[in-house]
Amino acid sequence: MSCSILLKAKRLLMKNNDSITEIAARVGCENPNYFTRIYKKYIGMTPPKRGKWT
């Protein structure tokens, strides 16, 4: 998974109220568990269960 895909996912999580599964699918990752693991490794935190960080 490339850095640009993770940054796109981060932007989507900040703008939308979609689930991790929906965001992962949108950026081309069919496995939300893998997406969460890679996201945490490169972004430094787990994605929220739903988008729109407060």
Protein backbone atom coordinates (compact mmCIF):
# COMPACT_ATOMS: atom_id res chain seq x y z
CA MET A 1 0.00 0.00 0.00
CA SER A 2 1.56 3.29 -1.06
CA CYS A 3 1.93 6.41 1.02
CA SER A 4 -0.40 8.35 -1.29
CA ILE A 5 -3.16 5.78 -0.74
CA LEU A 6 -2.75 6.10 3.03
CA LEU A 7 -2.88 9.89 2.83
CA LYS A 8 -6.04 9.65 0.71
CA ALA A 9 -7.54 7.32 3.32
CA LYS A 10 -6.58 9.77 6.07
CA ARG A 11 -8.32 12.62 4.21
CA LEU A 12 -11.42 10.48 3.68
CA LEU A 13 -11.51 9.55 7.37
CA MET A 14 -11.32 13.22 8.31
CA LYS A 15 -14.08 14.31 5.91
CA ASN A 16 -16.58 11.45 5.95
CA ASN A 17 -18.50 9.48 8.51
CA ASP A 18 -17.78 6.19 6.74
CA SER A 19 -16.58 3.03 8.46
CA ILE A 20 -13.02 1.70 8.19
CA THR A 21 -14.35 -1.06 5.93
CA GLU A 22 -15.88 1.50 3.56
CA ILE A 23 -12.77 3.70 3.51
CA ALA A 24 -10.48 0.68 2.98
CA ALA A 25 -12.59 -0.46 0.04
CA ARG A 26 -12.60 3.05 -1.43
CA VAL A 27 -8.81 3.15 -1.54
CA GLY A 28 -8.60 -0.38 -2.96
CA CYS A 29 -7.93 -2.51 0.12
CA GLU A 30 -10.41 -5.37 0.51
CA ASN A 31 -9.21 -6.43 3.97
CA PRO A 32 -10.02 -3.83 6.66
CA ASN A 33 -7.80 -5.58 9.23
CA TYR A 34 -4.80 -5.30 6.92
CA PHE A 35 -5.71 -1.69 6.17
CA THR A 36 -5.84 -0.87 9.90
CA ARG A 37 -2.49 -2.57 10.55
CA ILE A 38 -0.71 -0.76 7.70
CA TYR A 39 -2.41 2.55 8.52
CA LYS A 40 -1.18 2.35 12.12
CA LYS A 41 2.33 1.43 11.01
CA TYR A 42 2.72 4.43 8.68
CA ILE A 43 0.40 7.08 10.15
CA GLY A 44 1.28 6.26 13.77
CA MET A 45 -2.23 5.74 15.09
CA THR A 46 -5.17 3.51 14.37
CA PRO A 47 -7.93 4.95 12.21
CA PRO A 48 -11.14 5.86 14.02
CA LYS A 49 -13.96 3.31 13.83
CA ARG A 50 -15.93 5.96 11.95
CA GLY A 51 -14.60 8.99 10.12
CA LYS A 52 -14.65 12.64 11.14
CA TRP A 53 -12.06 13.04 13.85
CA THR A 54 -13.04 15.54 16.45
